[in-house]
Amino acid sequence: MTVADPFELDDVFGPGPGETPAERARQSSQRFVRCHTAIAHDSPDAGGLKISAQQAYEAFGWEILRQIPDRLSVGIVRRGCQAKEILPKARAAAGLSREDLAARSGVSLDDIVIVEDGRRSMPMAILVKLAETLGLCPIRFGAVDCTLPGSDKGKMTQGAQASI
């Protein structure tokens, strides 16, 4: 059990009950936003996937979230689009061609090729469509340690589905 400084917990999750990051995340009404390369506190103008404090904590952990107040956003990819590491494997595991994935996801074939080749980061909306189509967690899709289907860490939770 990780006990954290109460002021640090307030900075990340807002004031509330709970002595550990896990407890505070469960109780917090703070929202976060995940874009294609980073996670940050939510704001009215923020674009990306809006997630709860609980979802952010479960997906990225305390060590990532505790950096947000000092840095405003924290990078979750090394460089470029890390979805290139998982998309071809997940697509193959699902038995889909690039064309099949394009048809099922509504993402253009050109964008799928760009993601798989890792030529550039894609908007979060595209990554969410691809993740949903492949049954992967859209919150973690493309993050540094994203996993293949069959691993609990990469699966889409009901909470993640509800946030889309």
C-alpha atoms as a PDB file:
ATOM      1  CA  MET A   1       0.000   0.000   0.000  1.00  0.00           C
ATOM      2  CA  THR A   2       1.464   3.325  -1.113  1.00  0.00           C
ATOM      3  CA  VAL A   3       0.905   6.167   1.335  1.00  0.00           C
ATOM      4  CA  ALA A   4       1.423   9.546  -0.295  1.00  0.00           C
ATOM      5  CA  ASP A   5       1.783  13.092   0.917  1.00  0.00           C
ATOM      6  CA  PRO A   6      -1.749  14.502   1.442  1.00  0.00           C
ATOM      7  CA  PHE A   7      -0.841  17.726  -0.375  1.00  0.00           C
ATOM      8  CA  GLU A   8       0.409  15.745  -3.360  1.00  0.00           C
ATOM      9  CA  LEU A   9      -2.814  13.726  -3.393  1.00  0.00           C
ATOM     10  CA  ASP A  10      -4.789  17.002  -3.349  1.00  0.00           C
ATOM     11  CA  ASP A  11      -2.729  18.348  -6.262  1.00  0.00           C
ATOM     12  CA  VAL A  12      -3.408  15.270  -8.374  1.00  0.00           C
ATOM     13  CA  PHE A  13      -6.936  14.246  -7.371  1.00  0.00           C
ATOM     14  CA  GLY A  14      -8.354  17.304  -5.619  1.00  0.00           C
ATOM     15  CA  PRO A  15      -9.293  17.460  -1.941  1.00  0.00           C
ATOM     16  CA  GLY A  16     -11.087  14.445  -0.573  1.00  0.00           C
ATOM     17  CA  PRO A  17     -10.913  11.338   1.577  1.00  0.00           C
ATOM     18  CA  GLY A  18      -8.274   8.655   1.251  1.00  0.00           C
ATOM     19  CA  GLU A  19      -4.683   8.270   2.388  1.00  0.00           C
ATOM     20  CA  THR A  20      -3.393   6.297  -0.589  1.00  0.00           C
ATOM     21  CA  PRO A  21      -3.454   7.136  -4.292  1.00  0.00           C
ATOM     22  CA  ALA A  22      -5.798   4.188  -4.928  1.00  0.00           C
ATOM     23  CA  GLU A  23      -8.271   5.337  -2.258  1.00  0.00           C
ATOM     24  CA  ARG A  24      -8.158   8.941  -3.425  1.00  0.00           C
ATOM     25  CA  ALA A  25      -8.606   7.969  -7.087  1.00  0.00           C
ATOM     26  CA  ARG A  26     -11.731   5.960  -6.211  1.00  0.00           C
ATOM     27  CA  GLN A  27     -13.258   8.937  -4.373  1.00  0.00           C
ATOM     28  CA  SER A  28     -12.127  11.721  -6.698  1.00  0.00           C
ATOM     29  CA  SER A  29     -14.321  13.627  -9.124  1.00  0.00           C
ATOM     30  CA  GLN A  30     -11.207  14.920 -10.925  1.00  0.00           C
ATOM     31  CA  ARG A  31     -11.244  14.115 -14.643  1.00  0.00           C
ATOM     32  CA  PHE A  32      -8.215  13.520 -16.828  1.00  0.00           C
ATOM     33  CA  VAL A  33      -7.766  13.689 -20.573  1.00  0.00           C
ATOM     34  CA  ARG A  34      -5.643  11.319 -22.580  1.00  0.00           C
ATOM     35  CA  CYS A  35      -4.441  12.594 -25.946  1.00  0.00           C
ATOM     36  CA  HIS A  36      -2.391  10.563 -28.405  1.00  0.00           C
ATOM     37  CA  THR A  37       0.900  11.276 -26.609  1.00  0.00           C
ATOM     38  CA  ALA A  38       0.148  12.416 -23.046  1.00  0.00           C
ATOM     39  CA  ILE A  39      -2.199  12.521 -20.062  1.00  0.00           C
ATOM     40  CA  ALA A  40      -3.245  15.699 -18.228  1.00  0.00           C
ATOM     41  CA  HIS A  41      -5.932  17.117 -15.964  1.00  0.00           C
ATOM     42  CA  ASP A  42      -9.091  17.710 -17.944  1.00  0.00           C
ATOM     43  CA  SER A  43     -10.084  21.222 -18.949  1.00  0.00           C
ATOM     44  CA  PRO A  44     -13.017  22.581 -20.958  1.00  0.00           C
ATOM     45  CA  ASP A  45     -10.887  23.074 -24.076  1.00  0.00           C
ATOM     46  CA  ALA A  46      -8.988  19.786 -23.854  1.00  0.00           C
ATOM     47  CA  GLY A  47      -9.368  17.380 -26.743  1.00  0.00           C
ATOM     48  CA  GLY A  48      -8.900  13.674 -26.331  1.00  0.00           C
ATOM     49  CA  LEU A  49     -10.339  10.812 -24.348  1.00  0.00           C
ATOM     50  CA  LYS A  50     -11.923  12.011 -21.081  1.00  0.00           C
ATOM     51  CA  ILE A  51     -11.388   9.556 -18.235  1.00  0.00           C
ATOM     52  CA  SER A  52     -12.068   9.420 -14.507  1.00  0.00           C
ATOM     53  CA  ALA A  53      -9.407   9.583 -11.817  1.00  0.00           C
ATOM     54  CA  GLN A  54      -9.974   5.881 -11.137  1.00  0.00           C
ATOM     55  CA  GLN A  55      -9.454   4.992 -14.807  1.00  0.00           C
ATOM     56  CA  ALA A  56      -6.343   7.168 -15.028  1.00  0.00           C
ATOM     57  CA  TYR A  57      -4.887   5.605 -11.885  1.00  0.00           C
ATOM     58  CA  GLU A  58      -5.598   2.049 -13.046  1.00  0.00           C
ATOM     59  CA  ALA A  59      -4.205   2.692 -16.519  1.00  0.00           C
ATOM     60  CA  PHE A  60      -1.099   4.743 -15.747  1.00  0.00           C
ATOM     61  CA  GLY A  61      -0.407   4.443 -12.020  1.00  0.00           C
ATOM     62  CA  TRP A  62       0.672   6.856  -9.336  1.00  0.00           C
ATOM     63  CA  GLU A  63       4.180   7.498 -10.653  1.00  0.00           C
ATOM     64  CA  ILE A  64       2.783   8.979 -13.882  1.00  0.00           C
ATOM     65  CA  LEU A  65      -0.149  10.870 -12.334  1.00  0.00           C
ATOM     66  CA  ARG A  66       1.918  12.472  -9.575  1.00  0.00           C
ATOM     67  CA  GLN A  67       3.957  14.305 -12.245  1.00  0.00           C
ATOM     68  CA  ILE A  68       0.964  16.118 -13.766  1.00  0.00           C
ATOM     69  CA  PRO A  69       0.733  19.095 -11.356  1.00  0.00           C
ATOM     70  CA  ASP A  70       4.379  20.044 -11.976  1.00  0.00           C
ATOM     71  CA  ARG A  71       4.469  19.356 -15.705  1.00  0.00           C
ATOM     72  CA  LEU A  72       0.838  20.019 -16.735  1.00  0.00           C
ATOM     73  CA  SER A  73       0.926  16.907 -18.918  1.00  0.00           C
ATOM     74  CA  VAL A  74       2.982  13.743 -18.840  1.00  0.00           C
ATOM     75  CA  GLY A  75       4.125  11.924 -21.953  1.00  0.00           C
ATOM     76  CA  ILE A  76       3.038   8.322 -22.243  1.00  0.00           C
ATOM     77  CA  VAL A  77       4.806   7.437 -25.495  1.00  0.00           C
ATOM     78  CA  ARG A  78       8.521   7.368 -26.179  1.00  0.00           C
ATOM     79  CA  ARG A  79       8.322   9.060 -29.575  1.00  0.00           C
ATOM     80  CA  GLY A  80       6.051   8.953 -32.549  1.00  0.00           C
ATOM     81  CA  CYS A  81       3.055   6.686 -32.312  1.00  0.00           C
ATOM     82  CA  GLN A  82       3.645   3.679 -30.094  1.00  0.00           C
ATOM     83  CA  ALA A  83       0.489   2.087 -31.485  1.00  0.00           C
ATOM     84  CA  LYS A  84       2.789   0.774 -34.217  1.00  0.00           C
ATOM     85  CA  GLU A  85       4.109  -1.686 -31.632  1.00  0.00           C
ATOM     86  CA  ILE A  86       0.693  -3.211 -30.931  1.00  0.00           C
ATOM     87  CA  LEU A  87      -1.605  -2.593 -33.917  1.00  0.00           C
ATOM     88  CA  PRO A  88      -0.142  -5.114 -36.401  1.00  0.00           C
ATOM     89  CA  LYS A  89       0.022  -7.831 -33.709  1.00  0.00           C
ATOM     90  CA  ALA A  90      -3.492  -7.150 -32.428  1.00  0.00           C
ATOM     91  CA  ARG A  91      -4.846  -6.988 -35.982  1.00  0.00           C
ATOM     92  CA  ALA A  92      -3.171 -10.316 -36.831  1.00  0.00           C
ATOM     93  CA  ALA A  93      -4.454 -11.883 -33.594  1.00  0.00           C
ATOM     94  CA  ALA A  94      -7.971 -10.833 -34.629  1.00  0.00           C
ATOM     95  CA  GLY A  95      -7.435 -12.340 -38.090  1.00  0.00           C
ATOM     96  CA  LEU A  96      -7.997  -9.007 -39.829  1.00  0.00           C
ATOM     97  CA  SER A  97      -6.250  -7.521 -42.827  1.00  0.00           C
ATOM     98  CA  ARG A  98      -5.600  -3.798 -42.947  1.00  0.00           C
ATOM     99  CA  GLU A  99      -8.565  -3.493 -45.295  1.00  0.00           C
ATOM    100  CA  ASP A 100     -10.815  -5.453 -42.904  1.00  0.00           C
ATOM    101  CA  LEU A 101      -9.775  -3.241 -39.991  1.00  0.00           C
ATOM    102  CA  ALA A 102     -10.453  -0.110 -42.055  1.00  0.00           C
ATOM    103  CA  ALA A 103     -13.927  -1.342 -42.972  1.00  0.00           C
ATOM    104  CA  ARG A 104     -14.832  -2.362 -39.410  1.00  0.00           C
ATOM    105  CA  SER A 105     -13.358   0.664 -37.638  1.00  0.00           C
ATOM    106  CA  GLY A 106     -14.277   3.431 -40.060  1.00  0.00           C
ATOM    107  CA  VAL A 107     -10.621   4.531 -40.088  1.00  0.00           C
ATOM    108  CA  SER A 108      -9.106   5.080 -43.522  1.00  0.00           C
ATOM    109  CA  LEU A 109      -6.663   2.513 -44.857  1.00  0.00           C
ATOM    110  CA  ASP A 110      -4.095   5.304 -45.250  1.00  0.00           C
ATOM    111  CA  ASP A 111      -4.365   6.167 -41.536  1.00  0.00           C
ATOM    112  CA  ILE A 112      -3.983   2.511 -40.547  1.00  0.00           C
ATOM    113  CA  VAL A 113      -0.828   2.263 -42.663  1.00  0.00           C
ATOM    114  CA  ILE A 114       0.529   5.445 -41.035  1.00  0.00           C
ATOM    115  CA  VAL A 115      -0.158   4.081 -37.528  1.00  0.00           C
ATOM    116  CA  GLU A 116       1.368   0.679 -38.299  1.00  0.00           C
ATOM    117  CA  ASP A 117       4.443   2.273 -39.849  1.00  0.00           C
ATOM    118  CA  GLY A 118       4.768   4.672 -36.894  1.00  0.00           C
ATOM    119  CA  ARG A 119       5.344   7.643 -39.166  1.00  0.00           C
ATOM    120  CA  ARG A 120       3.472  10.051 -36.919  1.00  0.00           C
ATOM    121  CA  SER A 121       1.120  10.270 -33.992  1.00  0.00           C
ATOM    122  CA  MET A 122      -2.557  10.072 -34.783  1.00  0.00           C
ATOM    123  CA  PRO A 123      -5.469  11.915 -33.165  1.00  0.00           C
ATOM    124  CA  MET A 124      -6.867  10.127 -30.141  1.00  0.00           C
ATOM    125  CA  ALA A 125     -10.220   9.652 -31.902  1.00  0.00           C
ATOM    126  CA  ILE A 126      -8.543   7.404 -34.477  1.00  0.00           C
ATOM    127  CA  LEU A 127      -6.702   5.411 -31.811  1.00  0.00           C
ATOM    128  CA  VAL A 128      -9.982   4.943 -29.894  1.00  0.00           C
ATOM    129  CA  LYS A 129     -11.744   3.586 -32.999  1.00  0.00           C
ATOM    130  CA  LEU A 130      -8.903   1.145 -33.676  1.00  0.00           C
ATOM    131  CA  ALA A 131      -8.713   0.018 -30.045  1.00  0.00           C
ATOM    132  CA  GLU A 132     -12.471  -0.511 -29.787  1.00  0.00           C
ATOM    133  CA  THR A 133     -12.537  -2.507 -33.013  1.00  0.00           C
ATOM    134  CA  LEU A 134      -9.747  -4.770 -31.746  1.00  0.00           C
ATOM    135  CA  GLY A 135     -11.183  -5.102 -28.216  1.00  0.00           C
ATOM    136  CA  LEU A 136      -8.276  -3.223 -26.631  1.00  0.00           C
ATOM    137  CA  CYS A 137      -8.461  -0.611 -23.893  1.00  0.00           C
ATOM    138  CA  PRO A 138      -8.607   2.792 -25.612  1.00  0.00           C
ATOM    139  CA  ILE A 139      -7.172   4.457 -22.524  1.00  0.00           C
ATOM    140  CA  ARG A 140      -3.896   2.527 -22.784  1.00  0.00           C
ATOM    141  CA  PHE A 141      -3.773   1.966 -26.554  1.00  0.00           C
ATOM    142  CA  GLY A 142      -0.480   3.218 -27.914  1.00  0.00           C
ATOM    143  CA  ALA A 143       1.024   3.849 -24.476  1.00  0.00           C
ATOM    144  CA  VAL A 144       4.568   2.674 -23.789  1.00  0.00           C
ATOM    145  CA  ASP A 145       3.692  -0.704 -22.252  1.00  0.00           C
ATOM    146  CA  CYS A 146       0.406  -1.475 -24.012  1.00  0.00           C
ATOM    147  CA  THR A 147      -0.270  -5.206 -24.131  1.00  0.00           C
ATOM    148  CA  LEU A 148      -1.901  -7.649 -26.508  1.00  0.00           C
ATOM    149  CA  PRO A 149      -5.352  -9.155 -26.026  1.00  0.00           C
ATOM    150  CA  GLY A 150      -5.379 -11.836 -23.346  1.00  0.00           C
ATOM    151  CA  SER A 151      -3.556  -9.708 -20.787  1.00  0.00           C
ATOM    152  CA  ASP A 152      -5.646  -8.029 -18.091  1.00  0.00           C
ATOM    153  CA  LYS A 153      -3.691  -4.754 -18.340  1.00  0.00           C
ATOM    154  CA  GLY A 154      -4.643  -4.228 -21.983  1.00  0.00           C
ATOM    155  CA  LYS A 155      -8.313  -5.153 -21.714  1.00  0.00           C
ATOM    156  CA  MET A 156     -11.050  -2.583 -21.916  1.00  0.00           C
ATOM    157  CA  THR A 157     -12.864  -2.345 -18.604  1.00  0.00           C
ATOM    158  CA  GLN A 158     -16.541  -1.494 -18.261  1.00  0.00           C
ATOM    159  CA  GLY A 159     -15.473   1.885 -16.890  1.00  0.00           C
ATOM    160  CA  ALA A 160     -13.362   2.521 -19.964  1.00  0.00           C
ATOM    161  CA  GLN A 161     -16.242   1.565 -22.228  1.00  0.00           C
ATOM    162  CA  ALA A 162     -18.584   3.882 -20.339  1.00  0.00           C
ATOM    163  CA  SER A 163     -16.264   6.837 -20.809  1.00  0.00           C
ATOM    164  CA  ILE A 164     -16.269   6.690 -24.599  1.00  0.00           C
END
